[in-house]
Protein backbone atom coordinates (compact mmCIF):
# COMPACT_ATOMS: atom_id res chain seq x y z
CA MET A 1 -35.75 60.91 -33.96
CA VAL A 2 -36.22 59.26 -30.59
CA GLU A 3 -33.05 58.87 -28.58
CA LYS A 4 -32.06 56.60 -25.77
CA LEU A 5 -31.36 58.21 -22.42
CA LYS A 6 -27.71 59.08 -22.02
CA THR A 7 -27.77 60.50 -18.52
CA LYS A 8 -29.49 59.70 -15.27
CA THR A 9 -33.19 60.11 -15.89
CA GLN A 10 -35.23 62.64 -14.07
CA GLU A 11 -38.29 61.03 -12.58
CA LEU A 12 -41.49 62.18 -14.22
CA THR A 13 -44.49 63.28 -12.20
CA LYS A 14 -47.74 61.36 -12.61
CA ALA A 15 -49.14 64.07 -14.91
CA GLU A 16 -45.93 64.21 -16.98
CA LEU A 17 -45.86 60.44 -17.35
CA GLU A 18 -49.50 60.43 -18.46
CA ILE A 19 -48.67 62.95 -21.21
CA MET A 20 -45.54 60.99 -22.22
CA GLN A 21 -47.56 57.77 -22.46
CA ILE A 22 -49.85 59.53 -24.94
CA LEU A 23 -46.97 61.00 -26.95
CA TRP A 24 -45.27 57.60 -27.08
CA THR A 25 -48.49 56.14 -28.44
CA ILE A 26 -49.40 58.84 -30.99
CA GLU A 27 -45.72 59.57 -31.77
CA ARG A 28 -46.34 63.25 -32.50
CA GLY A 29 -49.17 65.68 -31.99
CA PHE A 30 -50.45 69.08 -31.04
CA VAL A 31 -51.73 69.89 -27.55
CA ASN A 32 -55.29 69.30 -28.79
CA ASP A 33 -54.27 65.80 -29.96
CA VAL A 34 -52.87 65.00 -26.52
CA LEU A 35 -55.93 66.49 -24.84
CA ALA A 36 -58.23 64.31 -26.98
CA GLU A 37 -56.48 61.17 -25.68
CA LEU A 38 -56.83 62.08 -22.00
CA PRO A 39 -59.70 60.51 -20.02
CA ASP A 40 -62.63 62.53 -18.71
CA PRO A 41 -62.72 64.80 -16.85
CA LYS A 42 -60.20 66.42 -19.16
CA PRO A 43 -57.81 69.03 -17.79
CA ALA A 44 -57.78 72.53 -19.25
CA TYR A 45 -55.89 73.11 -22.51
CA ASN A 46 -53.47 75.44 -20.69
CA THR A 47 -52.69 72.72 -18.13
CA VAL A 48 -51.72 70.21 -20.84
CA SER A 49 -49.76 72.88 -22.69
CA THR A 50 -47.82 73.74 -19.53
CA ILE A 51 -46.99 70.08 -18.84
CA VAL A 52 -45.80 69.56 -22.42
CA ARG A 53 -43.55 72.63 -22.15
CA ILE A 54 -42.14 71.33 -18.85
CA LEU A 55 -41.39 68.02 -20.58
CA GLU A 56 -39.64 69.97 -23.31
CA LYS A 57 -37.50 71.84 -20.76
CA LYS A 58 -36.59 68.51 -19.14
CA GLY A 59 -35.46 67.19 -22.52
CA PHE A 60 -38.15 64.54 -22.97
CA VAL A 61 -40.05 66.31 -25.76
CA ALA A 62 -39.27 68.62 -28.68
CA HIS A 63 -41.49 70.47 -31.11
CA ARG A 64 -41.79 71.56 -34.68
CA SER A 65 -43.34 74.97 -35.25
CA TYR A 66 -46.11 75.68 -37.73
CA GLY A 67 -46.63 79.39 -37.27
CA LYS A 68 -47.95 79.79 -33.74
CA SER A 69 -48.79 76.09 -33.41
CA HIS A 70 -46.36 73.48 -32.12
CA GLU A 71 -46.35 69.79 -32.94
CA TYR A 72 -44.69 67.86 -30.12
CA TYR A 73 -42.83 64.58 -30.31
CA PRO A 74 -40.86 62.48 -27.79
CA LEU A 75 -37.08 62.68 -27.68
CA VAL A 76 -36.84 59.80 -25.20
CA ASP A 77 -38.24 56.41 -26.11
CA ARG A 78 -40.51 54.50 -23.72
CA ASN A 79 -38.14 51.55 -23.26
CA SER A 80 -35.18 53.77 -22.36
CA TYR A 81 -37.22 55.66 -19.78
CA THR A 82 -38.63 52.45 -18.32
CA GLN A 83 -35.19 50.86 -18.08
CA SER A 84 -33.67 53.92 -16.43
CA PHE A 85 -36.59 54.25 -14.01
CA MET A 86 -36.48 50.58 -13.03
CA VAL A 87 -32.71 50.66 -12.48
CA SER A 88 -33.29 53.66 -10.22
CA VAL A 89 -35.98 51.78 -8.27
CA LEU A 90 -33.71 48.75 -8.00
CA ASP A 91 -30.79 50.85 -6.72
CA ASN A 92 -32.75 53.18 -4.44
CA PHE A 93 -35.08 50.67 -2.81
CA PHE A 94 -33.39 47.28 -3.11
CA GLY A 95 -29.68 48.08 -2.96
CA GLY A 96 -29.28 46.94 -6.56
CA SER A 97 -30.48 43.42 -5.71
CA ALA A 98 -32.92 41.99 -8.24
CA SER A 99 -33.61 39.04 -5.92
CA GLN A 100 -34.67 41.42 -3.12
CA MET A 101 -36.97 43.22 -5.54
CA VAL A 102 -38.54 39.95 -6.74
CA SER A 103 -38.91 38.83 -3.12
CA PHE A 104 -40.64 42.10 -2.29
CA LEU A 105 -42.97 41.82 -5.27
CA SER A 106 -43.84 38.20 -4.56
CA SER A 107 -44.60 38.87 -0.90
CA ASN A 108 -46.66 41.99 -1.60
CA ARG A 109 -48.47 40.81 -4.70
CA SER A 110 -49.62 37.31 -5.40
CA ILE A 111 -47.57 35.91 -8.25
CA SER A 112 -49.17 32.93 -9.99
CA LEU A 113 -47.32 29.76 -10.85
CA GLU A 114 -47.64 30.74 -14.52
CA GLU A 115 -45.95 34.10 -13.88
CA THR A 116 -43.23 32.38 -11.86
CA ALA A 117 -42.57 29.99 -14.74
CA GLU A 118 -42.42 32.94 -17.17
CA ILE A 119 -39.89 34.72 -14.94
CA ILE A 120 -37.72 31.60 -14.72
CA GLU A 121 -37.92 31.16 -18.49
CA MET A 122 -36.86 34.78 -19.08
CA LEU A 123 -33.92 34.42 -16.69
CA ASN A 124 -32.81 31.20 -18.39
CA LYS A 125 -32.88 32.92 -21.79
CA GLU A 126 -30.65 35.74 -20.49
CA LYS A 127 -27.90 33.30 -19.43
């Protein structure tokens, strides 16, 4: 069962996040299943296995044993991780100010009128 994050989330490395994205998509799988989903050039089996075990130690993944084989599955759902990560970005880089973050994004990335209208619509729905 996938749980929501209860404590401050550890930030995942790029490699860990790539593996988590795959596990969130396939929901459960063996290291070979994860490896099959990775783009070429594929890392070594042992590399993927090590990353999955690190994710398990961090509490993001668990496994079910079938003899010497392990089927891994996420313990943290994608939305919970995303929410926790974005709150951390908001707090650490923008002093908790959503308007400062939006200002930063709009000045550093062209936001179309359509996207602006969508943002306004989302904000109006929240109120």
